[in-house]
Protein backbone atom coordinates (compact mmCIF):
# COMPACT_ATOMS: atom_id res chain seq x y z
CA MET A 1 9.66 -25.49 -10.35
CA ARG A 2 12.31 -23.83 -12.50
CA MET A 3 9.79 -21.14 -13.49
CA LEU A 4 8.85 -20.61 -9.85
CA ARG A 5 12.49 -20.10 -8.91
CA PHE A 6 12.95 -17.71 -11.81
CA GLY A 7 9.87 -15.74 -10.77
CA LEU A 8 11.06 -15.57 -7.18
CA ILE A 9 14.50 -14.30 -8.16
CA LEU A 10 13.05 -11.74 -10.58
CA GLY A 11 10.61 -10.48 -7.99
CA LEU A 12 13.30 -10.20 -5.34
CA VAL A 13 15.37 -8.08 -7.70
CA LEU A 14 12.38 -5.84 -8.40
CA VAL A 15 11.52 -5.26 -4.75
CA ALA A 16 15.09 -4.67 -3.58
CA GLY A 17 15.42 -1.22 -5.10
CA GLY A 18 16.52 0.90 -2.16
CA CYS A 19 16.86 4.36 -3.72
CA ALA A 20 15.48 7.62 -2.36
CA SER A 21 12.63 9.11 -4.40
CA PRO A 22 12.35 12.91 -4.39
CA VAL A 23 9.49 14.73 -2.69
CA LEU A 24 7.23 16.31 -5.32
CA ASN A 25 5.25 19.55 -4.85
CA SER A 26 7.14 20.05 -1.59
CA GLU A 27 5.42 23.33 -0.66
CA ALA A 28 1.89 21.87 -0.63
CA SER A 29 0.10 21.10 2.64
CA ASP A 30 -2.12 18.26 1.38
CA GLU A 31 -0.10 15.07 1.41
CA VAL A 32 0.08 11.79 -0.52
CA ILE A 33 2.30 9.16 1.08
CA MET A 34 3.36 6.10 -0.91
CA VAL A 35 4.40 3.17 1.30
CA PRO A 36 6.41 0.51 -0.62
CA GLY A 37 6.55 -3.23 -0.24
CA ILE A 38 9.24 -5.25 1.52
CA GLY A 39 12.10 -3.92 -0.64
CA GLY A 40 11.58 -0.33 0.44
CA ASP A 41 11.89 2.67 -1.85
CA GLY A 42 12.86 1.96 -5.44
CA PRO A 43 12.36 3.35 -8.94
CA GLU A 44 8.92 1.78 -9.32
CA TYR A 45 7.61 3.74 -6.33
CA GLY A 46 9.18 6.98 -7.46
CA GLY A 47 7.41 6.23 -10.74
CA VAL A 48 4.06 6.10 -8.93
CA CYS A 49 4.74 9.54 -7.48
CA ARG A 50 5.67 10.95 -10.88
CA ALA A 51 2.56 9.40 -12.46
CA LEU A 52 0.37 11.12 -9.85
CA ALA A 53 2.05 14.44 -10.60
CA ASP A 54 1.77 13.82 -14.36
CA ALA A 55 -1.97 13.38 -13.87
CA GLY A 56 -2.13 16.86 -12.34
CA ASN A 57 -1.97 16.03 -8.64
CA LYS A 58 -0.78 19.14 -6.78
CA ASP A 59 -0.40 17.52 -3.36
CA ARG A 60 2.92 16.99 -1.63
CA ILE A 61 3.87 13.50 -2.81
CA GLN A 62 6.53 11.36 -1.18
CA VAL A 63 7.63 7.78 -0.56
CA PHE A 64 7.83 6.63 3.05
CA ASP A 65 10.81 4.28 3.05
CA TRP A 66 10.94 1.56 5.67
CA GLY A 67 12.67 -1.64 6.65
CA TYR A 68 15.95 -3.23 5.67
CA HIS A 69 17.38 -3.17 2.16
CA TRP A 70 19.35 -5.82 0.30
CA PRO A 71 20.34 -8.40 1.44
CA LEU A 72 18.21 -8.32 4.62
CA PHE A 73 14.94 -7.05 3.17
CA PHE A 74 13.24 -10.46 3.54
CA VAL A 75 13.15 -9.79 7.30
CA ASN A 76 10.68 -6.96 6.66
CA ILE A 77 7.69 -9.22 6.07
CA SER A 78 7.91 -11.09 9.39
CA SER A 79 9.59 -8.90 12.02
CA GLY A 80 7.00 -7.81 14.55
CA ASN A 81 9.46 -5.43 16.20
CA LEU A 82 10.22 -3.77 12.87
CA HIS A 83 6.52 -3.47 12.09
CA GLU A 84 5.84 -1.78 15.41
CA GLU A 85 8.79 0.60 15.01
CA THR A 86 7.78 1.49 11.43
CA GLU A 87 4.10 2.02 12.25
CA LYS A 88 4.95 4.27 15.20
CA LYS A 89 7.32 6.31 13.04
CA LEU A 90 4.76 6.86 10.31
CA ALA A 91 2.00 7.58 12.85
CA ALA A 92 4.22 10.21 14.49
CA PHE A 93 4.84 11.83 11.10
CA ILE A 94 1.11 11.95 10.32
CA GLU A 95 0.23 13.36 13.73
CA ALA A 96 2.95 16.03 13.47
CA TRP A 97 1.84 16.94 9.93
CA HIS A 98 -1.76 17.24 11.10
CA GLN A 99 -0.75 19.52 13.97
CA LYS A 100 1.14 21.76 11.54
CA ASN A 101 -1.56 21.62 8.85
CA PRO A 102 -4.84 20.79 10.65
CA ARG A 103 -6.98 21.13 7.50
CA ALA A 104 -4.68 19.14 5.25
CA ARG A 105 -5.73 15.90 3.58
CA ILE A 106 -3.39 12.94 4.04
CA VAL A 107 -3.79 10.21 1.43
CA LEU A 108 -2.05 6.88 2.03
CA ILE A 109 -1.16 4.43 -0.76
CA GLY A 110 0.37 1.10 0.19
CA HIS A 111 1.69 -1.66 -2.04
CA SER A 112 1.99 -5.25 -0.83
CA ALA A 113 3.53 -5.25 2.68
CA GLY A 114 3.23 -1.45 2.64
CA ALA A 115 -0.51 -1.98 2.97
CA GLY A 116 0.14 -3.73 6.28
CA VAL A 117 2.28 -0.80 7.41
CA ILE A 118 -0.57 1.60 6.62
CA LEU A 119 -3.27 -0.44 8.36
CA GLY A 120 -1.13 -0.81 11.48
CA THR A 121 -0.17 2.86 11.41
CA VAL A 122 -3.68 4.25 11.08
CA ALA A 123 -4.88 2.02 13.92
CA ARG A 124 -2.25 3.69 16.13
CA LEU A 125 -3.24 7.30 15.41
CA ASP A 126 -4.25 9.53 18.27
CA ASP A 127 -7.97 10.31 18.29
CA ALA A 128 -7.16 14.03 18.07
CA THR A 129 -5.57 13.49 14.65
CA GLY A 130 -8.94 13.07 12.97
CA ASP A 131 -9.53 11.22 9.72
CA VAL A 132 -6.94 10.44 7.08
CA GLY A 133 -7.55 9.10 3.65
CA PRO A 134 -8.63 7.87 1.39
CA ILE A 135 -6.47 4.83 1.95
CA ILE A 136 -5.55 2.93 -1.22
CA LEU A 137 -4.20 -0.61 -0.83
CA LEU A 138 -2.55 -2.28 -3.83
CA ALA A 139 -2.13 -6.08 -3.60
CA PRO A 140 -2.24 -5.92 0.22
CA ALA A 141 0.04 -8.54 1.76
CA VAL A 142 -2.20 -9.28 4.73
CA SER A 143 -4.69 -12.09 5.26
CA PRO A 144 -8.21 -11.74 3.76
CA ASP A 145 -9.78 -11.76 7.23
CA TYR A 146 -7.48 -9.02 8.60
CA ASP A 147 -9.44 -6.85 11.04
CA LEU A 148 -9.97 -3.48 9.34
CA ARG A 149 -12.04 -1.96 12.14
CA PRO A 150 -9.14 -0.23 13.95
CA ALA A 151 -8.08 1.48 10.71
CA LEU A 152 -11.66 2.43 9.83
CA ARG A 153 -11.88 4.45 13.05
CA HIS A 154 -9.51 6.96 11.47
CA CYS A 155 -10.51 6.98 7.81
CA ARG A 156 -13.68 7.25 5.75
CA THR A 157 -12.80 4.97 2.86
CA ILE A 158 -10.37 2.13 2.14
CA HIS A 159 -9.91 1.17 -1.52
CA VAL A 160 -8.59 -2.35 -2.08
CA PHE A 161 -7.13 -3.50 -5.41
CA PHE A 162 -6.62 -7.25 -5.81
CA SER A 163 -6.10 -9.80 -8.56
CA THR A 164 -6.65 -13.55 -8.70
CA GLU A 165 -3.86 -13.55 -11.28
CA ASP A 166 -1.37 -12.54 -8.57
CA ASP A 167 -0.79 -16.22 -7.88
CA PHE A 168 2.94 -15.97 -7.17
CA TRP A 169 3.40 -13.11 -4.69
CA GLN A 170 -0.04 -13.49 -3.13
CA GLY A 171 -0.30 -17.25 -3.43
CA PHE A 172 2.98 -19.17 -3.53
CA GLY A 173 5.00 -16.42 -1.81
CA PRO A 174 2.99 -16.27 1.44
CA SER A 175 3.21 -20.05 1.80
CA LEU A 176 6.99 -19.61 2.07
CA PHE A 177 7.48 -16.23 3.72
CA GLY A 178 4.10 -15.40 5.26
CA GLU A 179 2.13 -12.18 5.06
CA TYR A 180 2.67 -8.94 6.98
CA ASP A 181 0.36 -10.25 9.74
CA ARG A 182 2.47 -13.45 9.80
CA THR A 183 -0.18 -15.75 8.35
CA HIS A 184 0.83 -18.34 5.73
CA ARG A 185 -2.05 -18.31 3.28
CA ASP A 186 -3.20 -16.55 0.12
CA GLY A 187 -3.34 -12.82 0.75
CA ALA A 188 -6.01 -10.17 0.40
CA GLY A 189 -4.02 -9.02 -2.60
CA ARG A 190 -5.30 -12.10 -4.41
CA TRP A 191 -8.87 -12.49 -3.15
CA GLY A 192 -9.76 -9.21 -1.46
CA PHE A 193 -10.94 -8.89 2.13
CA THR A 194 -13.62 -11.08 3.68
CA LEU A 195 -16.36 -8.68 4.76
CA GLN A 196 -19.42 -10.89 5.15
CA ASN A 197 -19.30 -10.74 8.94
CA ARG A 198 -18.84 -6.96 9.09
CA ASP A 199 -21.73 -4.61 9.63
CA ALA A 200 -23.17 -2.70 6.68
CA SER A 201 -21.52 0.61 7.58
CA GLN A 202 -18.07 -1.00 7.58
CA ARG A 203 -18.68 -2.87 4.33
CA ALA A 204 -19.76 0.36 2.63
CA ARG A 205 -16.45 2.02 3.51
CA VAL A 206 -14.25 -0.76 2.13
CA VAL A 207 -14.41 -0.46 -1.66
CA GLN A 208 -12.95 -3.55 -3.32
CA HIS A 209 -11.64 -3.39 -6.88
CA PRO A 210 -10.99 -6.81 -8.45
CA TYR A 211 -8.65 -6.76 -11.43
CA ASP A 212 -10.38 -5.58 -14.59
CA LYS A 213 -9.04 -6.86 -17.92
CA GLN A 214 -9.63 -3.39 -19.37
CA TRP A 215 -6.69 -2.20 -17.27
CA ASP A 216 -4.40 -4.30 -19.45
CA LYS A 217 -4.25 -1.41 -21.93
CA LEU A 218 -3.00 0.81 -19.08
CA GLY A 219 -0.01 -1.44 -18.47
CA ASN A 220 -1.58 -3.33 -15.58
CA HIS A 221 -1.62 -7.02 -16.52
CA GLY A 222 -2.95 -8.28 -13.19
CA GLY A 223 0.37 -9.26 -11.62
CA HIS A 224 1.81 -8.06 -8.34
CA PHE A 225 3.52 -5.00 -9.82
CA GLY A 226 0.94 -4.07 -12.45
CA TRP A 227 -0.73 -1.72 -9.97
CA LEU A 228 2.34 0.52 -10.19
CA SER A 229 2.19 1.05 -13.96
CA HIS A 230 2.32 4.70 -15.01
CA ASP A 231 -0.91 4.87 -17.01
CA PHE A 232 -2.89 2.87 -14.46
CA VAL A 233 -1.78 5.22 -11.69
CA MET A 234 -2.67 8.25 -13.81
CA ARG A 235 -6.07 7.06 -15.00
CA VAL A 236 -7.38 4.96 -12.10
CA LEU A 237 -5.53 5.77 -8.87
CA GLU A 238 -4.98 9.52 -9.10
CA PRO A 239 -8.72 10.37 -9.27
CA LEU A 240 -9.25 8.38 -6.08
CA THR A 241 -6.74 10.55 -4.22
CA GLN A 242 -9.13 13.47 -4.68
CA THR A 243 -12.04 11.71 -2.94
CA ASN A 244 -12.85 11.07 0.67
């Protein structure tokens, strides 16, 4: 129990960053949007953006900050009103960016609760906006049986990265605080999404990536924040941003 409390406190410190990351490659029209977890923008998410740029990504790269910061950030995981407000705000940004740059690609990367923000946002997009993506979800803090069909109407591919070793933030944590969709069970960030009852075309567009021990040498040790490690982002995530 002492170790659990220590892990909880350490994780809360890590997710409660609350600093503004700069926009990289600001003149580009193609866009990569990083959506953080419940603590909002912080150095680890700015680090993801820098790692993408270090790998040669020339897109406009930015963090979409959302929710409350310390000490109220724990509200972010469960507030339906905040979720709706945040999703509408991000959807409006995407729609406006598409109107200004109709041929631009918009890549969405979400970590933890940020994955829930992305799925809710994309489901809200106007049909005239067209496809976004790829969508890349890192340790998504939603339930494994979350309905992906509304999001799939507006994107070609959803990549899902999950780890059975994420037993604290995607196991113990949801039992206390719940997931973004307000369920209290292990999240998709631990087991992936349940797709058996989906039709073949939907299953083909949800690409699930269970944790690979080979990623350990890239700084990703299978925990909740390993997906944000610089070398993992450079070597594994950045190439996916260039796909459909």
